Amino acid sequence: MILLYFLLSGITGFIGFKVNALTKGGAIAATIVGTAIAYGFEWRGLLLLGIFFLSSTIWSKYKARKKEAIGDIVEKGSARDQYQVIANGGAAAFAGIMMAFFPSNWWLVFFLSVLAASNSDTWASELGVLSKRPPFHIKKRQFVPPGTSGAVSLFGLIASFLGALLIGSVGALVFDVSLAILLFVTLGGFIGCLFDTLIGASLQEEFRCQICGIKTERHEHCQTATLRIKGFSGLNNDVVNFISSIIGGLSGGIWFL
């Protein structure tokens, strides 16, 4: 059965690569992550991963031309590389392996909450930038350009909650768990997304272009190396996403400790 799951994950990764939703490295990472999840949670886990991947891809392509304006701010494009795949699905893959060897409802709730946090953050990022009002930076306490880490909008917060709720609802349905777990997973995912914003505002690295002066996540802009003006070196968006997904998983699973 594991070979079948590996094949299904590989096909999904290949399709993602062909539609430019994944890079080649991202497709390989997605295959590994999907297989690990299926190892512990079987087809139900793959279904949840598929919902996350499909909804993320749809929203990343939605009004893509309007999102081009944030291209100078964010570090990467819409095609997810291996680091982004691991950042969003690495903790879920770990949960799949642990579930296979140490079956427990705790790992199930952790897994669902991790995916809820990743989906919540992705929906907030992809839809929040479309808000008619600029986002508000929680540390600087001022409105900033869309796409700036550490900033929120009402539209983005609503999208964030709905993204977590989707994973919680489908997870509760296919795994046949209680309404309480649905609520814990949704809340855990939403909390994970909020921590993503908090870490992004305070600790994530930020750079300034030496040529045009724009603030960006990129290490290079205007064909010149940028200067780090905030945060810890190496604490980029992928690392922040990985940390926040774990926080989301623990926030949902803490009720079962």
C-alpha atoms as a PDB file:
ATOM      1  CA  MET A   1       0.000   0.000   0.000  1.00  0.00           C
ATOM      2  CA  ILE A   2       2.850   2.383   0.762  1.00  0.00           C
ATOM      3  CA  LEU A   3       4.047   1.999  -2.839  1.00  0.00           C
ATOM      4  CA  LEU A   4       0.623   3.091  -4.040  1.00  0.00           C
ATOM      5  CA  TYR A   5       0.751   6.155  -1.807  1.00  0.00           C
ATOM      6  CA  PHE A   6       4.251   6.933  -3.076  1.00  0.00           C
ATOM      7  CA  LEU A   7       2.979   6.683  -6.648  1.00  0.00           C
ATOM      8  CA  LEU A   8      -0.017   8.927  -5.940  1.00  0.00           C
ATOM      9  CA  SER A   9       2.187  11.483  -4.197  1.00  0.00           C
ATOM     10  CA  GLY A  10       4.641  11.384  -7.087  1.00  0.00           C
ATOM     11  CA  ILE A  11       1.907  11.922  -9.659  1.00  0.00           C
ATOM     12  CA  THR A  12       0.544  14.848  -7.657  1.00  0.00           C
ATOM     13  CA  GLY A  13       4.011  16.363  -7.395  1.00  0.00           C
ATOM     14  CA  PHE A  14       4.563  15.913 -11.137  1.00  0.00           C
ATOM     15  CA  ILE A  15       1.253  17.604 -11.956  1.00  0.00           C
ATOM     16  CA  GLY A  16       2.146  20.426  -9.587  1.00  0.00           C
ATOM     17  CA  PHE A  17       5.438  20.864 -11.412  1.00  0.00           C
ATOM     18  CA  LYS A  18       3.748  20.866 -14.812  1.00  0.00           C
ATOM     19  CA  VAL A  19       1.250  23.577 -13.827  1.00  0.00           C
ATOM     20  CA  ASN A  20       4.071  25.658 -12.334  1.00  0.00           C
ATOM     21  CA  ALA A  21       2.747  25.280  -8.776  1.00  0.00           C
ATOM     22  CA  LEU A  22       5.949  23.479  -7.735  1.00  0.00           C
ATOM     23  CA  THR A  23       9.574  23.647  -8.781  1.00  0.00           C
ATOM     24  CA  LYS A  24      11.372  20.397  -9.602  1.00  0.00           C
ATOM     25  CA  GLY A  25      12.798  20.293  -6.078  1.00  0.00           C
ATOM     26  CA  GLY A  26       9.385  21.153  -4.703  1.00  0.00           C
ATOM     27  CA  ALA A  27       7.805  18.229  -6.565  1.00  0.00           C
ATOM     28  CA  ILE A  28      10.352  15.796  -5.111  1.00  0.00           C
ATOM     29  CA  ALA A  29       9.822  17.181  -1.609  1.00  0.00           C
ATOM     30  CA  ALA A  30       6.037  16.982  -2.042  1.00  0.00           C
ATOM     31  CA  THR A  31       6.357  13.315  -2.996  1.00  0.00           C
ATOM     32  CA  ILE A  32       8.338  12.561   0.166  1.00  0.00           C
ATOM     33  CA  VAL A  33       6.022  14.593   2.398  1.00  0.00           C
ATOM     34  CA  GLY A  34       2.913  12.992   0.894  1.00  0.00           C
ATOM     35  CA  THR A  35       4.281   9.477   1.315  1.00  0.00           C
ATOM     36  CA  ALA A  36       5.224  10.111   4.961  1.00  0.00           C
ATOM     37  CA  ILE A  37       1.767  11.499   5.714  1.00  0.00           C
ATOM     38  CA  ALA A  38       0.049   8.556   4.017  1.00  0.00           C
ATOM     39  CA  TYR A  39       2.281   6.143   5.952  1.00  0.00           C
ATOM     40  CA  GLY A  40       0.566   7.188   9.154  1.00  0.00           C
ATOM     41  CA  PHE A  41      -2.810   8.574   8.068  1.00  0.00           C
ATOM     42  CA  GLU A  42      -3.442   6.606   4.842  1.00  0.00           C
ATOM     43  CA  TRP A  43      -5.747   8.066   2.187  1.00  0.00           C
ATOM     44  CA  ARG A  44      -7.387  10.452   4.645  1.00  0.00           C
ATOM     45  CA  GLY A  45      -4.080  12.173   5.270  1.00  0.00           C
ATOM     46  CA  LEU A  46      -3.425  12.444   1.539  1.00  0.00           C
ATOM     47  CA  LEU A  47      -6.885  13.911   1.044  1.00  0.00           C
ATOM     48  CA  LEU A  48      -6.204  16.634   3.624  1.00  0.00           C
ATOM     49  CA  LEU A  49      -2.802  17.350   2.081  1.00  0.00           C
ATOM     50  CA  GLY A  50      -4.428  17.486  -1.340  1.00  0.00           C
ATOM     51  CA  ILE A  51      -7.019  19.995  -0.134  1.00  0.00           C
ATOM     52  CA  PHE A  52      -4.265  22.188   1.287  1.00  0.00           C
ATOM     53  CA  PHE A  53      -2.208  21.952  -1.907  1.00  0.00           C
ATOM     54  CA  LEU A  54      -5.166  22.495  -4.254  1.00  0.00           C
ATOM     55  CA  SER A  55      -6.643  25.441  -2.359  1.00  0.00           C
ATOM     56  CA  SER A  56      -3.204  27.031  -1.993  1.00  0.00           C
ATOM     57  CA  THR A  57      -2.557  26.669  -5.714  1.00  0.00           C
ATOM     58  CA  ILE A  58      -5.943  28.107  -6.639  1.00  0.00           C
ATOM     59  CA  TRP A  59      -5.521  31.142  -4.421  1.00  0.00           C
ATOM     60  CA  SER A  60      -1.932  31.716  -5.551  1.00  0.00           C
ATOM     61  CA  LYS A  61      -3.154  31.874  -9.161  1.00  0.00           C
ATOM     62  CA  TYR A  62      -6.210  33.964  -8.284  1.00  0.00           C
ATOM     63  CA  LYS A  63      -5.741  37.537  -9.536  1.00  0.00           C
ATOM     64  CA  ALA A  64      -2.052  36.769 -10.042  1.00  0.00           C
ATOM     65  CA  ARG A  65      -1.530  39.912 -12.109  1.00  0.00           C
ATOM     66  CA  LYS A  66      -2.718  42.113  -9.280  1.00  0.00           C
ATOM     67  CA  LYS A  67      -0.278  40.340  -6.933  1.00  0.00           C
ATOM     68  CA  GLU A  68       2.692  41.157  -9.156  1.00  0.00           C
ATOM     69  CA  ALA A  69       3.068  44.416  -7.239  1.00  0.00           C
ATOM     70  CA  ILE A  70       4.337  42.543  -4.161  1.00  0.00           C
ATOM     71  CA  GLY A  71       6.991  40.687  -6.161  1.00  0.00           C
ATOM     72  CA  ASP A  72       9.686  43.111  -5.013  1.00  0.00           C
ATOM     73  CA  ILE A  73       8.808  42.520  -1.358  1.00  0.00           C
ATOM     74  CA  VAL A  74       8.370  38.770  -0.983  1.00  0.00           C
ATOM     75  CA  GLU A  75      11.329  36.459  -1.391  1.00  0.00           C
ATOM     76  CA  LYS A  76       9.817  33.828  -3.692  1.00  0.00           C
ATOM     77  CA  GLY A  77       7.247  33.423  -6.433  1.00  0.00           C
ATOM     78  CA  SER A  78       4.095  31.313  -6.686  1.00  0.00           C
ATOM     79  CA  ALA A  79       5.911  28.077  -7.619  1.00  0.00           C
ATOM     80  CA  ARG A  80       6.837  26.468  -4.307  1.00  0.00           C
ATOM     81  CA  ASP A  81      10.350  25.070  -3.934  1.00  0.00           C
ATOM     82  CA  GLN A  82      11.498  22.262  -1.647  1.00  0.00           C
ATOM     83  CA  TYR A  83      12.082  24.613   1.266  1.00  0.00           C
ATOM     84  CA  GLN A  84       8.544  25.956   1.105  1.00  0.00           C
ATOM     85  CA  VAL A  85       7.111  22.433   0.852  1.00  0.00           C
ATOM     86  CA  ILE A  86       9.062  21.315   3.922  1.00  0.00           C
ATOM     87  CA  ALA A  87       8.177  24.518   5.772  1.00  0.00           C
ATOM     88  CA  ASN A  88       4.472  23.887   5.278  1.00  0.00           C
ATOM     89  CA  GLY A  89       4.367  20.092   5.318  1.00  0.00           C
ATOM     90  CA  GLY A  90       7.474  18.920   7.168  1.00  0.00           C
ATOM     91  CA  ALA A  91       5.843  18.813  10.602  1.00  0.00           C
ATOM     92  CA  ALA A  92       2.811  17.032   9.129  1.00  0.00           C
ATOM     93  CA  ALA A  93       5.113  14.440   7.545  1.00  0.00           C
ATOM     94  CA  PHE A  94       6.798  13.898  10.921  1.00  0.00           C
ATOM     95  CA  ALA A  95       3.363  13.386  12.479  1.00  0.00           C
ATOM     96  CA  GLY A  96       2.607  10.750   9.843  1.00  0.00           C
ATOM     97  CA  ILE A  97       5.723   8.787  10.712  1.00  0.00           C
ATOM     98  CA  MET A  98       5.053   9.055  14.449  1.00  0.00           C
ATOM     99  CA  MET A  99       1.451   7.965  13.941  1.00  0.00           C
ATOM    100  CA  ALA A 100       2.651   4.843  12.123  1.00  0.00           C
ATOM    101  CA  PHE A 101       4.927   3.782  14.989  1.00  0.00           C
ATOM    102  CA  PHE A 102       3.114   5.288  17.974  1.00  0.00           C
ATOM    103  CA  PRO A 103      -0.613   5.488  17.111  1.00  0.00           C
ATOM    104  CA  SER A 104      -2.420   8.110  19.151  1.00  0.00           C
ATOM    105  CA  ASN A 105      -5.222  10.617  18.749  1.00  0.00           C
ATOM    106  CA  TRP A 106      -2.709  13.238  19.832  1.00  0.00           C
ATOM    107  CA  TRP A 107      -0.717  12.798  16.623  1.00  0.00           C
ATOM    108  CA  LEU A 108      -3.928  13.003  14.616  1.00  0.00           C
ATOM    109  CA  VAL A 109      -4.900  16.331  16.194  1.00  0.00           C
ATOM    110  CA  PHE A 110      -1.330  17.609  15.868  1.00  0.00           C
ATOM    111  CA  PHE A 111      -1.305  16.649  12.182  1.00  0.00           C
ATOM    112  CA  LEU A 112      -4.629  18.323  11.470  1.00  0.00           C
ATOM    113  CA  SER A 113      -3.633  21.457  13.381  1.00  0.00           C
ATOM    114  CA  VAL A 114      -0.313  21.687  11.517  1.00  0.00           C
ATOM    115  CA  LEU A 115      -2.102  21.567   8.176  1.00  0.00           C
ATOM    116  CA  ALA A 116      -4.729  24.005   9.465  1.00  0.00           C
ATOM    117  CA  ALA A 117      -1.970  26.460  10.421  1.00  0.00           C
ATOM    118  CA  SER A 118      -0.271  26.127   7.031  1.00  0.00           C
ATOM    119  CA  ASN A 119      -3.556  26.506   5.182  1.00  0.00           C
ATOM    120  CA  SER A 120      -4.554  29.425   7.383  1.00  0.00           C
ATOM    121  CA  ASP A 121      -1.293  31.254   6.717  1.00  0.00           C
ATOM    122  CA  THR A 122      -1.433  30.561   2.975  1.00  0.00           C
ATOM    123  CA  TRP A 123      -4.987  31.827   2.640  1.00  0.00           C
ATOM    124  CA  ALA A 124      -4.106  34.911   4.676  1.00  0.00           C
ATOM    125  CA  SER A 125      -1.080  35.619   2.470  1.00  0.00           C
ATOM    126  CA  GLU A 126      -2.701  34.944  -0.896  1.00  0.00           C
ATOM    127  CA  LEU A 127      -6.002  36.672  -0.186  1.00  0.00           C
ATOM    128  CA  GLY A 128      -4.930  39.292   2.326  1.00  0.00           C
ATOM    129  CA  VAL A 129      -2.847  41.112  -0.296  1.00  0.00           C
ATOM    130  CA  LEU A 130      -6.059  41.673  -2.268  1.00  0.00           C
ATOM    131  CA  SER A 131      -7.612  43.708   0.524  1.00  0.00           C
ATOM    132  CA  LYS A 132      -8.793  47.139  -0.610  1.00  0.00           C
ATOM    133  CA  ARG A 133      -7.185  48.684   2.479  1.00  0.00           C
ATOM    134  CA  PRO A 134      -3.436  48.368   3.152  1.00  0.00           C
ATOM    135  CA  PRO A 135      -2.452  46.015   5.976  1.00  0.00           C
ATOM    136  CA  PHE A 136      -1.540  47.275   9.435  1.00  0.00           C
ATOM    137  CA  HIS A 137       1.868  46.356  10.843  1.00  0.00           C
ATOM    138  CA  ILE A 138       1.411  45.065  14.395  1.00  0.00           C
ATOM    139  CA  LYS A 139       4.819  46.282  15.603  1.00  0.00           C
ATOM    140  CA  LYS A 140       5.291  49.509  13.665  1.00  0.00           C
ATOM    141  CA  ARG A 141       1.628  50.395  14.258  1.00  0.00           C
ATOM    142  CA  GLN A 142       1.230  51.874  10.824  1.00  0.00           C
ATOM    143  CA  PHE A 143      -0.145  50.886   7.445  1.00  0.00           C
ATOM    144  CA  VAL A 144       2.409  49.245   5.171  1.00  0.00           C
ATOM    145  CA  PRO A 145       2.499  47.912   1.579  1.00  0.00           C
ATOM    146  CA  PRO A 146       0.672  44.607   0.947  1.00  0.00           C
ATOM    147  CA  GLY A 147       2.929  41.582   1.328  1.00  0.00           C
ATOM    148  CA  THR A 148       4.919  43.033   4.226  1.00  0.00           C
ATOM    149  CA  SER A 149       5.660  40.416   6.906  1.00  0.00           C
ATOM    150  CA  GLY A 150       4.076  41.170  10.263  1.00  0.00           C
ATOM    151  CA  ALA A 151       1.114  43.070   8.842  1.00  0.00           C
ATOM    152  CA  VAL A 152      -2.567  42.123   8.970  1.00  0.00           C
ATOM    153  CA  SER A 153      -5.851  43.195   7.416  1.00  0.00           C
ATOM    154  CA  LEU A 154      -9.407  42.323   8.362  1.00  0.00           C
ATOM    155  CA  PHE A 155      -9.861  40.548   5.040  1.00  0.00           C
ATOM    156  CA  GLY A 156      -6.688  38.556   5.647  1.00  0.00           C
ATOM    157  CA  LEU A 157      -7.768  37.563   9.160  1.00  0.00           C
ATOM    158  CA  ILE A 158     -11.122  36.314   7.877  1.00  0.00           C
ATOM    159  CA  ALA A 159      -9.370  34.336   5.139  1.00  0.00           C
ATOM    160  CA  SER A 160      -6.991  32.940   7.754  1.00  0.00           C
ATOM    161  CA  PHE A 161      -9.805  31.676   9.947  1.00  0.00           C
ATOM    162  CA  LEU A 162     -11.676  30.147   7.004  1.00  0.00           C
ATOM    163  CA  GLY A 163      -8.509  28.375   5.847  1.00  0.00           C
ATOM    164  CA  ALA A 164      -8.096  26.761   9.263  1.00  0.00           C
ATOM    165  CA  LEU A 165     -11.806  25.944   9.437  1.00  0.00           C
ATOM    166  CA  LEU A 166     -11.707  24.129   6.101  1.00  0.00           C
ATOM    167  CA  ILE A 167      -8.993  21.727   7.279  1.00  0.00           C
ATOM    168  CA  GLY A 168     -10.701  21.286  10.635  1.00  0.00           C
ATOM    169  CA  SER A 169     -14.077  20.536   9.044  1.00  0.00           C
ATOM    170  CA  VAL A 170     -12.846  18.073   6.429  1.00  0.00           C
ATOM    171  CA  GLY A 171     -10.520  16.466   8.962  1.00  0.00           C
ATOM    172  CA  ALA A 172     -13.329  15.974  11.453  1.00  0.00           C
ATOM    173  CA  LEU A 173     -15.501  14.472   8.705  1.00  0.00           C
ATOM    174  CA  VAL A 174     -13.065  11.967   7.184  1.00  0.00           C
ATOM    175  CA  PHE A 175     -11.490  10.915  10.498  1.00  0.00           C
ATOM    176  CA  ASP A 176     -14.916  10.807  12.192  1.00  0.00           C
ATOM    177  CA  VAL A 177     -13.891  12.786  15.272  1.00  0.00           C
ATOM    178  CA  SER A 178     -15.847  15.024  17.620  1.00  0.00           C
ATOM    179  CA  LEU A 179     -16.947  18.605  17.159  1.00  0.00           C
ATOM    180  CA  ALA A 180     -14.546  19.538  19.962  1.00  0.00           C
ATOM    181  CA  ILE A 181     -11.584  18.374  17.868  1.00  0.00           C
ATOM    182  CA  LEU A 182     -12.855  20.399  14.920  1.00  0.00           C
ATOM    183  CA  LEU A 183     -12.847  23.479  17.146  1.00  0.00           C
ATOM    184  CA  PHE A 184      -9.397  22.706  18.605  1.00  0.00           C
ATOM    185  CA  VAL A 185      -7.901  22.160  15.154  1.00  0.00           C
ATOM    186  CA  THR A 186      -9.433  25.345  13.772  1.00  0.00           C
ATOM    187  CA  LEU A 187      -8.304  27.358  16.780  1.00  0.00           C
ATOM    188  CA  GLY A 188      -4.835  25.787  16.694  1.00  0.00           C
ATOM    189  CA  GLY A 189      -4.438  26.595  13.006  1.00  0.00           C
ATOM    190  CA  PHE A 190      -5.565  30.169  13.499  1.00  0.00           C
ATOM    191  CA  ILE A 191      -3.189  30.617  16.452  1.00  0.00           C
ATOM    192  CA  GLY A 192      -0.341  29.258  14.348  1.00  0.00           C
ATOM    193  CA  CYS A 193      -1.066  31.861  11.676  1.00  0.00           C
ATOM    194  CA  LEU A 194      -1.168  34.640  14.271  1.00  0.00           C
ATOM    195  CA  PHE A 195       2.240  33.565  15.564  1.00  0.00           C
ATOM    196  CA  ASP A 196       3.508  33.648  11.988  1.00  0.00           C
ATOM    197  CA  THR A 197       2.514  37.301  11.851  1.00  0.00           C
ATOM    198  CA  LEU A 198       4.021  38.028  15.265  1.00  0.00           C
ATOM    199  CA  ILE A 199       7.362  36.395  14.426  1.00  0.00           C
ATOM    200  CA  GLY A 200       7.357  38.055  11.024  1.00  0.00           C
ATOM    201  CA  ALA A 201       6.902  41.451  12.639  1.00  0.00           C
ATOM    202  CA  SER A 202       9.589  41.070  15.289  1.00  0.00           C
ATOM    203  CA  LEU A 203      12.195  38.418  14.473  1.00  0.00           C
ATOM    204  CA  GLN A 204      12.103  37.638  10.745  1.00  0.00           C
ATOM    205  CA  GLU A 205      14.952  39.093   8.713  1.00  0.00           C
ATOM    206  CA  GLU A 206      14.214  42.105   6.502  1.00  0.00           C
ATOM    207  CA  PHE A 207      16.439  43.843   3.996  1.00  0.00           C
ATOM    208  CA  ARG A 208      16.712  47.206   2.250  1.00  0.00           C
ATOM    209  CA  CYS A 209      17.806  47.699  -1.337  1.00  0.00           C
ATOM    210  CA  GLN A 210      20.919  49.886  -1.558  1.00  0.00           C
ATOM    211  CA  ILE A 211      19.792  51.254  -4.923  1.00  0.00           C
ATOM    212  CA  CYS A 212      16.062  52.031  -4.686  1.00  0.00           C
ATOM    213  CA  GLY A 213      15.629  51.869  -0.919  1.00  0.00           C
ATOM    214  CA  ILE A 214      12.697  49.423  -0.930  1.00  0.00           C
ATOM    215  CA  LYS A 215      12.276  47.106   2.073  1.00  0.00           C
ATOM    216  CA  THR A 216      12.205  43.481   0.994  1.00  0.00           C
ATOM    217  CA  GLU A 217      12.691  39.838   2.000  1.00  0.00           C
ATOM    218  CA  ARG A 218      15.100  39.370  -0.900  1.00  0.00           C
ATOM    219  CA  HIS A 219      18.868  39.101  -0.497  1.00  0.00           C
ATOM    220  CA  GLU A 220      19.321  40.846  -3.826  1.00  0.00           C
ATOM    221  CA  HIS A 221      17.430  43.688  -5.490  1.00  0.00           C
ATOM    222  CA  CYS A 222      18.238  45.946  -8.439  1.00  0.00           C
ATOM    223  CA  GLN A 223      21.011  43.427  -9.184  1.00  0.00           C
ATOM    224  CA  THR A 224      22.730  44.433  -5.936  1.00  0.00           C
ATOM    225  CA  ALA A 225      23.043  42.713  -2.564  1.00  0.00           C
ATOM    226  CA  THR A 226      20.569  44.103  -0.027  1.00  0.00           C
ATOM    227  CA  LEU A 227      21.377  45.141   3.547  1.00  0.00           C
ATOM    228  CA  ARG A 228      19.782  43.373   6.516  1.00  0.00           C
ATOM    229  CA  ILE A 229      18.034  45.986   8.654  1.00  0.00           C
ATOM    230  CA  LYS A 230      15.935  43.784  10.967  1.00  0.00           C
ATOM    231  CA  GLY A 231      15.685  40.332  12.424  1.00  0.00           C
ATOM    232  CA  PHE A 232      17.971  37.355  12.821  1.00  0.00           C
ATOM    233  CA  SER A 233      20.094  36.180   9.923  1.00  0.00           C
ATOM    234  CA  GLY A 234      18.610  33.048   8.355  1.00  0.00           C
ATOM    235  CA  LEU A 235      15.203  33.503   9.948  1.00  0.00           C
ATOM    236  CA  ASN A 236      13.429  33.882   6.615  1.00  0.00           C
ATOM    237  CA  ASN A 237       9.811  33.303   5.669  1.00  0.00           C
ATOM    238  CA  ASP A 238      10.273  29.541   5.219  1.00  0.00           C
ATOM    239  CA  VAL A 239      11.701  29.129   8.716  1.00  0.00           C
ATOM    240  CA  VAL A 240       8.934  31.287  10.180  1.00  0.00           C
ATOM    241  CA  ASN A 241       6.302  29.186   8.383  1.00  0.00           C
ATOM    242  CA  PHE A 242       7.840  25.982   9.740  1.00  0.00           C
ATOM    243  CA  ILE A 243       7.913  27.321  13.301  1.00  0.00           C
ATOM    244  CA  SER A 244       4.354  28.628  13.121  1.00  0.00           C
ATOM    245  CA  SER A 245       3.072  25.308  11.751  1.00  0.00           C
ATOM    246  CA  ILE A 246       4.563  23.524  14.765  1.00  0.00           C
ATOM    247  CA  ILE A 247       3.054  26.123  17.098  1.00  0.00           C
ATOM    248  CA  GLY A 248      -0.297  25.547  15.402  1.00  0.00           C
ATOM    249  CA  GLY A 249       0.051  21.787  15.845  1.00  0.00           C
ATOM    250  CA  LEU A 250       0.930  22.133  19.518  1.00  0.00           C
ATOM    251  CA  SER A 251      -1.852  24.673  20.079  1.00  0.00           C
ATOM    252  CA  GLY A 252      -4.412  22.212  18.741  1.00  0.00           C
ATOM    253  CA  GLY A 253      -2.928  19.177  20.431  1.00  0.00           C
ATOM    254  CA  ILE A 254      -2.278  20.714  23.841  1.00  0.00           C
ATOM    255  CA  TRP A 255      -5.860  19.950  24.871  1.00  0.00           C
ATOM    256  CA  PHE A 256      -5.061  16.218  24.683  1.00  0.00           C
ATOM    257  CA  LEU A 257      -1.866  16.203  26.733  1.00  0.00           C
END
